[in-house]
Amino acid sequence: MFRVLVAAALLVTAPLTASAEQMTVVIANSHTYAVQLEMYSQDRDHAWPGGNEAYILDDGETKNITLECEDQENICYGAWVSGDATTYWGVGPNNDQECSDCCYVCDGGSTESINLVE
């Protein structure tokens, strides 16, 4: 009986894990060339699509990208011209640039349409 009480007490005092959520990123490429895009968590070491890969948007293409994320997680986009990382938007190709309006909170909704222009 004592073990059951201890186990129950541990369950009650265990930290809660973050709940899963989804966020849809709506992004349009109005640039002349194809661009690559990655989304970066600012709260943990995670990126979408991850695995050293990036989403590709051809010129004129719009994508709706659904991310599995943690509730209230802060996520920023980084985009760059395919083959030219010196032309970028948001936090850039390595999440190492400053931006004032490229981050969103994971709350089950969608971003406004993000338009990558020259």
PDB file of N, CA and C in Angstrom:
ATOM      1  N   MET A   1       0.829  -1.188   0.000  1.00  0.00           N
ATOM      2  CA  MET A   1       0.000   0.000   0.000  1.00  0.00           C
ATOM      3  C   MET A   1       0.875   1.254   0.000  1.00  0.00           C
ATOM      4  N   PHE A   2       1.984   1.205   0.787  1.00  0.00           N
ATOM      5  CA  PHE A   2       2.869   2.351   0.865  1.00  0.00           C
ATOM      6  C   PHE A   2       3.427   2.709  -0.519  1.00  0.00           C
ATOM      7  N   ARG A   3       3.823   1.669  -1.289  1.00  0.00           N
ATOM      8  CA  ARG A   3       4.365   1.902  -2.635  1.00  0.00           C
ATOM      9  C   ARG A   3       3.336   2.573  -3.538  1.00  0.00           C
ATOM     10  N   VAL A   4       2.098   2.173  -3.432  1.00  0.00           N
ATOM     11  CA  VAL A   4       1.036   2.769  -4.242  1.00  0.00           C
ATOM     12  C   VAL A   4       0.874   4.241  -3.896  1.00  0.00           C
ATOM     13  N   LEU A   5       0.928   4.586  -2.617  1.00  0.00           N
ATOM     14  CA  LEU A   5       0.809   5.974  -2.194  1.00  0.00           C
ATOM     15  C   LEU A   5       1.992   6.811  -2.679  1.00  0.00           C
ATOM     16  N   VAL A   6       3.181   6.251  -2.605  1.00  0.00           N
ATOM     17  CA  VAL A   6       4.369   6.960  -3.086  1.00  0.00           C
ATOM     18  C   VAL A   6       4.270   7.178  -4.592  1.00  0.00           C
ATOM     19  N   ALA A   7       3.873   6.167  -5.327  1.00  0.00           N
ATOM     20  CA  ALA A   7       3.729   6.295  -6.779  1.00  0.00           C
ATOM     21  C   ALA A   7       2.682   7.347  -7.126  1.00  0.00           C
ATOM     22  N   ALA A   8       1.584   7.362  -6.405  1.00  0.00           N
ATOM     23  CA  ALA A   8       0.533   8.355  -6.645  1.00  0.00           C
ATOM     24  C   ALA A   8       1.045   9.760  -6.340  1.00  0.00           C
ATOM     25  N   ALA A   9       1.806   9.906  -5.274  1.00  0.00           N
ATOM     26  CA  ALA A   9       2.369  11.210  -4.917  1.00  0.00           C
ATOM     27  C   ALA A   9       3.341  11.691  -5.986  1.00  0.00           C
ATOM     28  N   LEU A  10       4.148  10.795  -6.523  1.00  0.00           N
ATOM     29  CA  LEU A  10       5.070  11.169  -7.591  1.00  0.00           C
ATOM     30  C   LEU A  10       4.333  11.620  -8.844  1.00  0.00           C
ATOM     31  N   LEU A  11       3.249  10.974  -9.179  1.00  0.00           N
ATOM     32  CA  LEU A  11       2.463  11.373 -10.342  1.00  0.00           C
ATOM     33  C   LEU A  11       1.870  12.761 -10.160  1.00  0.00           C
ATOM     34  N   VAL A  12       1.408  13.059  -8.970  1.00  0.00           N
ATOM     35  CA  VAL A  12       0.796  14.362  -8.691  1.00  0.00           C
ATOM     36  C   VAL A  12       1.838  15.470  -8.725  1.00  0.00           C
ATOM     37  N   THR A  13       3.055  15.202  -8.257  1.00  0.00           N
ATOM     38  CA  THR A  13       4.079  16.245  -8.193  1.00  0.00           C
ATOM     39  C   THR A  13       4.983  16.285  -9.415  1.00  0.00           C
ATOM     40  N   ALA A  14       4.820  15.359 -10.339  1.00  0.00           N
ATOM     41  CA  ALA A  14       5.656  15.346 -11.543  1.00  0.00           C
ATOM     42  C   ALA A  14       5.342  16.577 -12.393  1.00  0.00           C
ATOM     43  N   PRO A  15       6.354  17.154 -13.035  1.00  0.00           N
ATOM     44  CA  PRO A  15       6.103  18.322 -13.873  1.00  0.00           C
ATOM     45  C   PRO A  15       5.222  17.950 -15.063  1.00  0.00           C
ATOM     46  N   LEU A  16       4.383  18.885 -15.437  1.00  0.00           N
ATOM     47  CA  LEU A  16       3.511  18.660 -16.584  1.00  0.00           C
ATOM     48  C   LEU A  16       4.297  18.871 -17.858  1.00  0.00           C
ATOM     49  N   THR A  17       4.076  18.042 -18.839  1.00  0.00           N
ATOM     50  CA  THR A  17       4.734  18.227 -20.123  1.00  0.00           C
ATOM     51  C   THR A  17       3.913  19.184 -20.963  1.00  0.00           C
ATOM     52  N   ALA A  18       4.562  19.834 -21.908  1.00  0.00           N
ATOM     53  CA  ALA A  18       3.859  20.776 -22.778  1.00  0.00           C
ATOM     54  C   ALA A  18       2.853  20.020 -23.630  1.00  0.00           C
ATOM     55  N   SER A  19       1.739  20.644 -23.849  1.00  0.00           N
ATOM     56  CA  SER A  19       0.713  19.983 -24.651  1.00  0.00           C
ATOM     57  C   SER A  19       0.972  20.205 -26.135  1.00  0.00           C
ATOM     58  N   ALA A  20       0.579  19.245 -26.927  1.00  0.00           N
ATOM     59  CA  ALA A  20       0.782  19.315 -28.367  1.00  0.00           C
ATOM     60  C   ALA A  20      -0.249  20.245 -28.987  1.00  0.00           C
ATOM     61  N   GLU A  21       0.167  20.926 -30.028  1.00  0.00           N
ATOM     62  CA  GLU A  21      -0.693  21.870 -30.724  1.00  0.00           C
ATOM     63  C   GLU A  21      -0.284  21.855 -32.190  1.00  0.00           C
ATOM     64  N   GLN A  22      -1.040  22.527 -33.005  1.00  0.00           N
ATOM     65  CA  GLN A  22      -0.688  22.702 -34.412  1.00  0.00           C
ATOM     66  C   GLN A  22      -0.763  24.174 -34.761  1.00  0.00           C
ATOM     67  N   MET A  23       0.006  24.556 -35.759  1.00  0.00           N
ATOM     68  CA  MET A  23      -0.029  25.916 -36.284  1.00  0.00           C
ATOM     69  C   MET A  23       0.156  25.804 -37.796  1.00  0.00           C
ATOM     70  N   THR A  24      -0.627  26.562 -38.541  1.00  0.00           N
ATOM     71  CA  THR A  24      -0.481  26.574 -39.986  1.00  0.00           C
ATOM     72  C   THR A  24       0.205  27.861 -40.402  1.00  0.00           C
ATOM     73  N   VAL A  25       1.294  27.721 -41.134  1.00  0.00           N
ATOM     74  CA  VAL A  25       2.044  28.851 -41.658  1.00  0.00           C
ATOM     75  C   VAL A  25       1.631  29.025 -43.112  1.00  0.00           C
ATOM     76  N   VAL A  26       1.142  30.217 -43.435  1.00  0.00           N
ATOM     77  CA  VAL A  26       0.731  30.539 -44.808  1.00  0.00           C
ATOM     78  C   VAL A  26       1.810  31.446 -45.378  1.00  0.00           C
ATOM     79  N   ILE A  27       2.512  30.976 -46.412  1.00  0.00           N
ATOM     80  CA  ILE A  27       3.646  31.734 -46.933  1.00  0.00           C
ATOM     81  C   ILE A  27       3.639  31.749 -48.457  1.00  0.00           C
ATOM     82  N   ALA A  28       3.880  32.925 -49.008  1.00  0.00           N
ATOM     83  CA  ALA A  28       3.881  33.109 -50.462  1.00  0.00           C
ATOM     84  C   ALA A  28       5.245  33.607 -50.908  1.00  0.00           C
ATOM     85  N   ASN A  29       5.725  33.081 -52.016  1.00  0.00           N
ATOM     86  CA  ASN A  29       6.985  33.524 -52.595  1.00  0.00           C
ATOM     87  C   ASN A  29       6.694  34.446 -53.777  1.00  0.00           C
ATOM     88  N   SER A  30       6.848  35.746 -53.559  1.00  0.00           N
ATOM     89  CA  SER A  30       6.673  36.724 -54.641  1.00  0.00           C
ATOM     90  C   SER A  30       8.015  37.182 -55.193  1.00  0.00           C
ATOM     91  N   HIS A  31       9.066  36.494 -54.798  1.00  0.00           N
ATOM     92  CA  HIS A  31      10.403  36.810 -55.305  1.00  0.00           C
ATOM     93  C   HIS A  31      10.574  36.192 -56.687  1.00  0.00           C
ATOM     94  N   THR A  32      11.534  36.686 -57.426  1.00  0.00           N
ATOM     95  CA  THR A  32      11.801  36.206 -58.785  1.00  0.00           C
ATOM     96  C   THR A  32      12.309  34.775 -58.819  1.00  0.00           C
ATOM     97  N   TYR A  33      12.983  34.345 -57.758  1.00  0.00           N
ATOM     98  CA  TYR A  33      13.612  33.036 -57.726  1.00  0.00           C
ATOM     99  C   TYR A  33      12.975  32.140 -56.660  1.00  0.00           C
ATOM    100  N   ALA A  34      13.241  30.853 -56.750  1.00  0.00           N
ATOM    101  CA  ALA A  34      12.785  29.907 -55.735  1.00  0.00           C
ATOM    102  C   ALA A  34      13.463  30.234 -54.406  1.00  0.00           C
ATOM    103  N   VAL A  35      12.753  29.982 -53.328  1.00  0.00           N
ATOM    104  CA  VAL A  35      13.324  30.203 -51.997  1.00  0.00           C
ATOM    105  C   VAL A  35      13.213  28.935 -51.166  1.00  0.00           C
ATOM    106  N   GLN A  36      14.081  28.847 -50.179  1.00  0.00           N
ATOM    107  CA  GLN A  36      14.037  27.769 -49.204  1.00  0.00           C
ATOM    108  C   GLN A  36      13.543  28.367 -47.894  1.00  0.00           C
ATOM    109  N   LEU A  37      12.855  27.548 -47.111  1.00  0.00           N
ATOM    110  CA  LEU A  37      12.230  28.018 -45.885  1.00  0.00           C
ATOM    111  C   LEU A  37      12.414  26.994 -44.791  1.00  0.00           C
ATOM    112  N   GLU A  38      12.720  27.493 -43.592  1.00  0.00           N
ATOM    113  CA  GLU A  38      12.756  26.649 -42.409  1.00  0.00           C
ATOM    114  C   GLU A  38      12.074  27.424 -41.289  1.00  0.00           C
ATOM    115  N   MET A  39      11.413  26.712 -40.405  1.00  0.00           N
ATOM    116  CA  MET A  39      10.787  27.313 -39.234  1.00  0.00           C
ATOM    117  C   MET A  39      11.604  26.881 -38.021  1.00  0.00           C
ATOM    118  N   TYR A  40      11.864  27.832 -37.100  1.00  0.00           N
ATOM    119  CA  TYR A  40      12.738  27.558 -35.961  1.00  0.00           C
ATOM    120  C   TYR A  40      12.030  27.876 -34.644  1.00  0.00           C
ATOM    121  N   SER A  41      12.042  26.910 -33.725  1.00  0.00           N
ATOM    122  CA  SER A  41      11.537  27.168 -32.381  1.00  0.00           C
ATOM    123  C   SER A  41      12.525  28.075 -31.667  1.00  0.00           C
ATOM    124  N   GLN A  42      11.997  29.044 -30.923  1.00  0.00           N
ATOM    125  CA  GLN A  42      12.838  29.911 -30.114  1.00  0.00           C
ATOM    126  C   GLN A  42      12.855  29.431 -28.654  1.00  0.00           C
ATOM    127  N   ASP A  43      12.086  28.380 -28.368  1.00  0.00           N
ATOM    128  CA  ASP A  43      11.955  27.872 -27.003  1.00  0.00           C
ATOM    129  C   ASP A  43      12.648  26.535 -26.772  1.00  0.00           C
ATOM    130  N   ARG A  44      13.027  25.856 -27.846  1.00  0.00           N
ATOM    131  CA  ARG A  44      13.702  24.564 -27.725  1.00  0.00           C
ATOM    132  C   ARG A  44      14.524  24.346 -28.990  1.00  0.00           C
ATOM    133  N   ASP A  45      15.340  23.342 -28.997  1.00  0.00           N
ATOM    134  CA  ASP A  45      16.199  23.045 -30.144  1.00  0.00           C
ATOM    135  C   ASP A  45      15.407  22.211 -31.149  1.00  0.00           C
ATOM    136  N   HIS A  46      14.618  22.895 -31.986  1.00  0.00           N
ATOM    137  CA  HIS A  46      13.787  22.192 -32.951  1.00  0.00           C
ATOM    138  C   HIS A  46      13.561  23.079 -34.168  1.00  0.00           C
ATOM    139  N   ALA A  47      13.521  22.448 -35.348  1.00  0.00           N
ATOM    140  CA  ALA A  47      13.247  23.155 -36.596  1.00  0.00           C
ATOM    141  C   ALA A  47      12.314  22.304 -37.448  1.00  0.00           C
ATOM    142  N   TRP A  48      11.584  22.967 -38.335  1.00  0.00           N
ATOM    143  CA  TRP A  48      10.695  22.292 -39.279  1.00  0.00           C
ATOM    144  C   TRP A  48      11.150  22.664 -40.676  1.00  0.00           C
ATOM    145  N   PRO A  49      11.363  21.795 -41.629  1.00  0.00           N
ATOM    146  CA  PRO A  49      11.065  20.383 -41.539  1.00  0.00           C
ATOM    147  C   PRO A  49      12.099  19.598 -40.741  1.00  0.00           C
ATOM    148  N   GLY A  50      13.245  20.163 -40.447  1.00  0.00           N
ATOM    149  CA  GLY A  50      14.261  19.469 -39.654  1.00  0.00           C
ATOM    150  C   GLY A  50      15.134  18.573 -40.504  1.00  0.00           C
ATOM    151  N   GLY A  51      16.089  17.934 -39.870  1.00  0.00           N
ATOM    152  CA  GLY A  51      16.965  16.991 -40.564  1.00  0.00           C
ATOM    153  C   GLY A  51      17.790  17.623 -41.662  1.00  0.00           C
ATOM    154  N   ASN A  52      18.235  18.878 -41.470  1.00  0.00           N
ATOM    155  CA  ASN A  52      19.019  19.609 -42.477  1.00  0.00           C
ATOM    156  C   ASN A  52      18.292  19.740 -43.806  1.00  0.00           C
ATOM    157  N   GLU A  53      16.979  19.812 -43.758  1.00  0.00           N
ATOM    158  CA  GLU A  53      16.178  19.995 -44.959  1.00  0.00           C
ATOM    159  C   GLU A  53      15.452  21.327 -44.876  1.00  0.00           C
ATOM    160  N   ALA A  54      14.885  21.762 -45.983  1.00  0.00           N
ATOM    161  CA  ALA A  54      14.123  23.005 -46.030  1.00  0.00           C
ATOM    162  C   ALA A  54      12.944  22.816 -46.979  1.00  0.00           C
ATOM    163  N   TYR A  55      11.884  23.574 -46.726  1.00  0.00           N
ATOM    164  CA  TYR A  55      10.769  23.614 -47.663  1.00  0.00           C
ATOM    165  C   TYR A  55      11.210  24.444 -48.864  1.00  0.00           C
ATOM    166  N   ILE A  56      10.745  24.091 -50.046  1.00  0.00           N
ATOM    167  CA  ILE A  56      11.048  24.836 -51.270  1.00  0.00           C
ATOM    168  C   ILE A  56       9.771  25.492 -51.767  1.00  0.00           C
ATOM    169  N   LEU A  57       9.858  26.784 -52.067  1.00  0.00           N
ATOM    170  CA  LEU A  57       8.748  27.506 -52.678  1.00  0.00           C
ATOM    171  C   LEU A  57       9.236  28.069 -54.006  1.00  0.00           C
ATOM    172  N   ASP A  58       8.642  27.614 -55.088  1.00  0.00           N
ATOM    173  CA  ASP A  58       8.977  28.161 -56.394  1.00  0.00           C
ATOM    174  C   ASP A  58       8.466  29.602 -56.490  1.00  0.00           C
ATOM    175  N   ASP A  59       9.004  30.370 -57.431  1.00  0.00           N
ATOM    176  CA  ASP A  59       8.533  31.743 -57.583  1.00  0.00           C
ATOM    177  C   ASP A  59       7.040  31.739 -57.920  1.00  0.00           C
ATOM    178  N   GLY A  60       6.293  32.560 -57.201  1.00  0.00           N
ATOM    179  CA  GLY A  60       4.850  32.635 -57.383  1.00  0.00           C
ATOM    180  C   GLY A  60       4.057  31.612 -56.591  1.00  0.00           C
ATOM    181  N   GLU A  61       4.718  30.710 -55.889  1.00  0.00           N
ATOM    182  CA  GLU A  61       4.025  29.646 -55.165  1.00  0.00           C
ATOM    183  C   GLU A  61       3.630  30.086 -53.750  1.00  0.00           C
ATOM    184  N   THR A  62       2.471  29.618 -53.309  1.00  0.00           N
ATOM    185  CA  THR A  62       2.012  29.810 -51.934  1.00  0.00           C
ATOM    186  C   THR A  62       1.814  28.440 -51.307  1.00  0.00           C
ATOM    187  N   LYS A  63       2.270  28.293 -50.059  1.00  0.00           N
ATOM    188  CA  LYS A  63       2.105  27.020 -49.347  1.00  0.00           C
ATOM    189  C   LYS A  63       1.458  27.261 -47.995  1.00  0.00           C
ATOM    190  N   ASN A  64       0.673  26.282 -47.577  1.00  0.00           N
ATOM    191  CA  ASN A  64       0.162  26.204 -46.210  1.00  0.00           C
ATOM    192  C   ASN A  64       0.903  25.053 -45.549  1.00  0.00           C
ATOM    193  N   ILE A  65       1.711  25.362 -44.554  1.00  0.00           N
ATOM    194  CA  ILE A  65       2.540  24.358 -43.893  1.00  0.00           C
ATOM    195  C   ILE A  65       2.034  24.184 -42.467  1.00  0.00           C
ATOM    196  N   THR A  66       1.616  22.978 -42.126  1.00  0.00           N
ATOM    197  CA  THR A  66       1.122  22.701 -40.783  1.00  0.00           C
ATOM    198  C   THR A  66       2.252  22.146 -39.931  1.00  0.00           C
ATOM    199  N   LEU A  67       2.487  22.794 -38.794  1.00  0.00           N
ATOM    200  CA  LEU A  67       3.544  22.389 -37.875  1.00  0.00           C
ATOM    201  C   LEU A  67       2.933  21.747 -36.642  1.00  0.00           C
ATOM    202  N   GLU A  68       3.521  20.656 -36.186  1.00  0.00           N
ATOM    203  CA  GLU A  68       3.197  20.073 -34.891  1.00  0.00           C
ATOM    204  C   GLU A  68       4.117  20.786 -33.904  1.00  0.00           C
ATOM    205  N   CYS A  69       3.543  21.504 -32.947  1.00  0.00           N
ATOM    206  CA  CYS A  69       4.350  22.309 -32.036  1.00  0.00           C
ATOM    207  C   CYS A  69       3.771  22.245 -30.632  1.00  0.00           C
ATOM    208  N   GLU A  70       4.472  22.863 -29.699  1.00  0.00           N
ATOM    209  CA  GLU A  70       4.018  22.904 -28.318  1.00  0.00           C
ATOM    210  C   GLU A  70       3.159  24.140 -28.110  1.00  0.00           C
ATOM    211  N   ASP A  71       2.123  24.009 -27.310  1.00  0.00           N
ATOM    212  CA  ASP A  71       1.229  25.124 -27.030  1.00  0.00           C
ATOM    213  C   ASP A  71       2.027  26.326 -26.514  1.00  0.00           C
ATOM    214  N   GLN A  72       1.832  27.491 -27.145  1.00  0.00           N
ATOM    215  CA  GLN A  72       2.479  28.766 -26.809  1.00  0.00           C
ATOM    216  C   GLN A  72       3.962  28.824 -27.180  1.00  0.00           C
ATOM    217  N   GLU A  73       4.429  27.870 -27.974  1.00  0.00           N
ATOM    218  CA  GLU A  73       5.818  27.879 -28.430  1.00  0.00           C
ATOM    219  C   GLU A  73       6.021  29.045 -29.398  1.00  0.00           C
ATOM    220  N   ASN A  74       7.137  29.730 -29.280  1.00  0.00           N
ATOM    221  CA  ASN A  74       7.472  30.851 -30.149  1.00  0.00           C
ATOM    222  C   ASN A  74       8.268  30.315 -31.340  1.00  0.00           C
ATOM    223  N   ILE A  75       7.752  30.542 -32.565  1.00  0.00           N
ATOM    224  CA  ILE A  75       8.352  29.984 -33.776  1.00  0.00           C
ATOM    225  C   ILE A  75       8.595  31.100 -34.772  1.00  0.00           C
ATOM    226  N   CYS A  76       9.804  31.145 -35.343  1.00  0.00           N
ATOM    227  CA  CYS A  76      10.176  32.168 -36.320  1.00  0.00           C
ATOM    228  C   CYS A  76      10.510  31.509 -37.654  1.00  0.00           C
ATOM    229  N   TYR A  77      10.254  32.237 -38.725  1.00  0.00           N
ATOM    230  CA  TYR A  77      10.615  31.696 -40.031  1.00  0.00           C
ATOM    231  C   TYR A  77      11.937  32.288 -40.501  1.00  0.00           C
ATOM    232  N   GLY A  78      12.652  31.474 -41.259  1.00  0.00           N
ATOM    233  CA  GLY A  78      13.860  31.899 -41.944  1.00  0.00           C
ATOM    234  C   GLY A  78      13.750  31.425 -43.380  1.00  0.00           C
ATOM    235  N   ALA A  79      13.903  32.343 -44.315  1.00  0.00           N
ATOM    236  CA  ALA A  79      13.816  31.993 -45.733  1.00  0.00           C
ATOM    237  C   ALA A  79      14.989  32.644 -46.461  1.00  0.00           C
ATOM    238  N   TRP A  80      15.391  32.037 -47.553  1.00  0.00           N
ATOM    239  CA  TRP A  80      16.499  32.566 -48.330  1.00  0.00           C
ATOM    240  C   TRP A  80      16.363  32.107 -49.768  1.00  0.00           C
ATOM    241  N   VAL A  81      16.951  32.881 -50.669  1.00  0.00           N
ATOM    242  CA  VAL A  81      16.938  32.511 -52.077  1.00  0.00           C
ATOM    243  C   VAL A  81      17.722  31.221 -52.227  1.00  0.00           C
ATOM    244  N   SER A  82      17.140  30.275 -52.921  1.00  0.00           N
ATOM    245  CA  SER A  82      17.789  28.986 -53.120  1.00  0.00           C
ATOM    246  C   SER A  82      19.123  29.203 -53.827  1.00  0.00           C
ATOM    247  N   GLY A  83      20.207  28.800 -53.192  1.00  0.00           N
ATOM    248  CA  GLY A  83      21.545  28.965 -53.757  1.00  0.00           C
ATOM    249  C   GLY A  83      22.196  30.291 -53.414  1.00  0.00           C
ATOM    250  N   ASP A  84      21.508  31.164 -52.645  1.00  0.00           N
ATOM    251  CA  ASP A  84      22.058  32.467 -52.279  1.00  0.00           C
ATOM    252  C   ASP A  84      21.594  32.836 -50.874  1.00  0.00           C
ATOM    253  N   ALA A  85      22.283  32.341 -49.874  1.00  0.00           N
ATOM    254  CA  ALA A  85      21.892  32.570 -48.478  1.00  0.00           C
ATOM    255  C   ALA A  85      22.109  34.012 -48.037  1.00  0.00           C
ATOM    256  N   THR A  86      22.738  34.852 -48.880  1.00  0.00           N
ATOM    257  CA  THR A  86      22.922  36.258 -48.508  1.00  0.00           C
ATOM    258  C   THR A  86      21.650  37.071 -48.737  1.00  0.00           C
ATOM    259  N   THR A  87      20.703  36.534 -49.502  1.00  0.00           N
ATOM    260  CA  THR A  87      19.396  37.171 -49.684  1.00  0.00           C
ATOM    261  C   THR A  87      18.405  36.372 -48.859  1.00  0.00           C
ATOM    262  N   TYR A  88      17.962  36.963 -47.740  1.00  0.00           N
ATOM    263  CA  TYR A  88      17.140  36.200 -46.810  1.00  0.00           C
ATOM    264  C   TYR A  88      16.028  37.065 -46.213  1.00  0.00           C
ATOM    265  N   TRP A  89      15.082  36.390 -45.568  1.00  0.00           N
ATOM    266  CA  TRP A  89      13.986  37.016 -44.837  1.00  0.00           C
ATOM    267  C   TRP A  89      13.931  36.398 -43.452  1.00  0.00           C
ATOM    268  N   GLY A  90      13.316  37.107 -42.527  1.00  0.00           N
ATOM    269  CA  GLY A  90      13.151  36.578 -41.176  1.00  0.00           C
ATOM    270  C   GLY A  90      14.479  36.370 -40.489  1.00  0.00           C
ATOM    271  N   VAL A  91      14.629  35.230 -39.836  1.00  0.00           N
ATOM    272  CA  VAL A  91      15.851  34.931 -39.084  1.00  0.00           C
ATOM    273  C   VAL A  91      16.938  34.297 -39.954  1.00  0.00           C
ATOM    274  N   GLY A  92      16.705  34.218 -41.265  1.00  0.00           N
ATOM    275  CA  GLY A  92      17.715  33.696 -42.178  1.00  0.00           C
ATOM    276  C   GLY A  92      17.850  32.186 -42.145  1.00  0.00           C
ATOM    277  N   PRO A  93      18.822  31.669 -42.899  1.00  0.00           N
ATOM    278  CA  PRO A  93      18.952  30.221 -43.053  1.00  0.00           C
ATOM    279  C   PRO A  93      19.466  29.475 -41.827  1.00  0.00           C
ATOM    280  N   ASN A  94      20.016  30.161 -40.861  1.00  0.00           N
ATOM    281  CA  ASN A  94      20.567  29.471 -39.693  1.00  0.00           C
ATOM    282  C   ASN A  94      19.977  29.971 -38.381  1.00  0.00           C
ATOM    283  N   ASN A  95      18.844  30.667 -38.474  1.00  0.00           N
ATOM    284  CA  ASN A  95      18.201  31.195 -37.262  1.00  0.00           C
ATOM    285  C   ASN A  95      19.139  32.118 -36.505  1.00  0.00           C
ATOM    286  N   ASP A  96      19.997  32.876 -37.230  1.00  0.00           N
ATOM    287  CA  ASP A  96      20.977  33.709 -36.541  1.00  0.00           C
ATOM    288  C   ASP A  96      20.861  35.198 -36.861  1.00  0.00           C
ATOM    289  N   GLN A  97      19.738  35.600 -37.456  1.00  0.00           N
ATOM    290  CA  GLN A  97      19.516  37.014 -37.764  1.00  0.00           C
ATOM    291  C   GLN A  97      18.408  37.569 -36.864  1.00  0.00           C
ATOM    292  N   GLU A  98      18.424  38.861 -36.659  1.00  0.00           N
ATOM    293  CA  GLU A  98      17.366  39.526 -35.893  1.00  0.00           C
ATOM    294  C   GLU A  98      16.194  39.825 -36.828  1.00  0.00           C
ATOM    295  N   CYS A  99      14.994  39.781 -36.282  1.00  0.00           N
ATOM    296  CA  CYS A  99      13.821  40.177 -37.057  1.00  0.00           C
ATOM    297  C   CYS A  99      12.807  40.797 -36.112  1.00  0.00           C
ATOM    298  N   SER A 100      11.983  41.679 -36.627  1.00  0.00           N
ATOM    299  CA  SER A 100      11.005  42.348 -35.770  1.00  0.00           C
ATOM    300  C   SER A 100       9.597  41.789 -35.940  1.00  0.00           C
ATOM    301  N   ASP A 101       9.355  41.081 -37.042  1.00  0.00           N
ATOM    302  CA  ASP A 101       7.983  40.612 -37.294  1.00  0.00           C
ATOM    303  C   ASP A 101       7.941  39.267 -38.006  1.00  0.00           C
ATOM    304  N   CYS A 102       8.803  38.348 -37.586  1.00  0.00           N
ATOM    305  CA  CYS A 102       8.864  37.051 -38.274  1.00  0.00           C
ATOM    306  C   CYS A 102       8.561  35.877 -37.345  1.00  0.00           C
ATOM    307  N   CYS A 103       8.019  36.157 -36.162  1.00  0.00           N
ATOM    308  CA  CYS A 103       7.764  35.094 -35.196  1.00  0.00           C
ATOM    309  C   CYS A 103       6.284  35.024 -34.852  1.00  0.00           C
ATOM    310  N   TYR A 104       5.842  33.813 -34.529  1.00  0.00           N
ATOM    311  CA  TYR A 104       4.437  33.549 -34.238  1.00  0.00           C
ATOM    312  C   TYR A 104       4.346  32.588 -33.059  1.00  0.00           C
ATOM    313  N   VAL A 105       3.214  32.648 -32.360  1.00  0.00           N
ATOM    314  CA  VAL A 105       2.974  31.771 -31.220  1.00  0.00           C
ATOM    315  C   VAL A 105       2.105  30.607 -31.662  1.00  0.00           C
ATOM    316  N   CYS A 106       2.539  29.411 -31.327  1.00  0.00           N
ATOM    317  CA  CYS A 106       1.782  28.209 -31.636  1.00  0.00           C
ATOM    318  C   CYS A 106       0.546  28.175 -30.739  1.00  0.00           C
ATOM    319  N   ASP A 107      -0.623  28.366 -31.343  1.00  0.00           N
ATOM    320  CA  ASP A 107      -1.854  28.417 -30.550  1.00  0.00           C
ATOM    321  C   ASP A 107      -3.030  27.747 -31.247  1.00  0.00           C
ATOM    322  N   GLY A 108      -2.734  26.900 -32.220  1.00  0.00           N
ATOM    323  CA  GLY A 108      -3.805  26.190 -32.907  1.00  0.00           C
ATOM    324  C   GLY A 108      -4.374  26.924 -34.103  1.00  0.00           C
ATOM    325  N   GLY A 109      -3.841  28.092 -34.399  1.00  0.00           N
ATOM    326  CA  GLY A 109      -4.369  28.884 -35.513  1.00  0.00           C
ATOM    327  C   GLY A 109      -3.438  28.916 -36.698  1.00  0.00           C
ATOM    328  N   SER A 110      -3.607  29.974 -37.491  1.00  0.00           N
ATOM    329  CA  SER A 110      -2.799  30.192 -38.688  1.00  0.00           C
ATOM    330  C   SER A 110      -2.121  31.550 -38.609  1.00  0.00           C
ATOM    331  N   THR A 111      -0.985  31.657 -39.281  1.00  0.00           N
ATOM    332  CA  THR A 111      -0.353  32.965 -39.413  1.00  0.00           C
ATOM    333  C   THR A 111      -1.124  33.757 -40.447  1.00  0.00           C
ATOM    334  N   GLU A 112      -0.936  35.072 -40.451  1.00  0.00           N
ATOM    335  CA  GLU A 112      -1.418  35.829 -41.598  1.00  0.00           C
ATOM    336  C   GLU A 112      -0.559  35.413 -42.783  1.00  0.00           C
ATOM    337  N   SER A 113      -0.954  35.777 -43.969  1.00  0.00           N
ATOM    338  CA  SER A 113      -0.170  35.391 -45.143  1.00  0.00           C
ATOM    339  C   SER A 113       1.175  36.127 -45.107  1.00  0.00           C
ATOM    340  N   ILE A 114       2.256  35.367 -45.092  1.00  0.00           N
ATOM    341  CA  ILE A 114       3.606  35.915 -45.125  1.00  0.00           C
ATOM    342  C   ILE A 114       4.007  35.998 -46.588  1.00  0.00           C
ATOM    343  N   ASN A 115       4.411  37.175 -47.038  1.00  0.00           N
ATOM    344  CA  ASN A 115       4.758  37.354 -48.444  1.00  0.00           C
ATOM    345  C   ASN A 115       6.237  37.701 -48.573  1.00  0.00           C
ATOM    346  N   LEU A 116       6.989  36.817 -49.196  1.00  0.00           N
ATOM    347  CA  LEU A 116       8.413  37.040 -49.421  1.00  0.00           C
ATOM    348  C   LEU A 116       8.583  37.809 -50.724  1.00  0.00           C
ATOM    349  N   VAL A 117       8.971  39.070 -50.622  1.00  0.00           N
ATOM    350  CA  VAL A 117       9.144  39.910 -51.802  1.00  0.00           C
ATOM    351  C   VAL A 117      10.585  40.387 -51.862  1.00  0.00           C
ATOM    352  N   GLU A 118      10.945  41.002 -52.974  1.00  0.00           N
ATOM    353  CA  GLU A 118      12.336  41.466 -53.134  1.00  0.00           C
ATOM    354  C   GLU A 118      12.691  42.547 -52.177  1.00  0.00           C
TER     355      GLU A 118
END
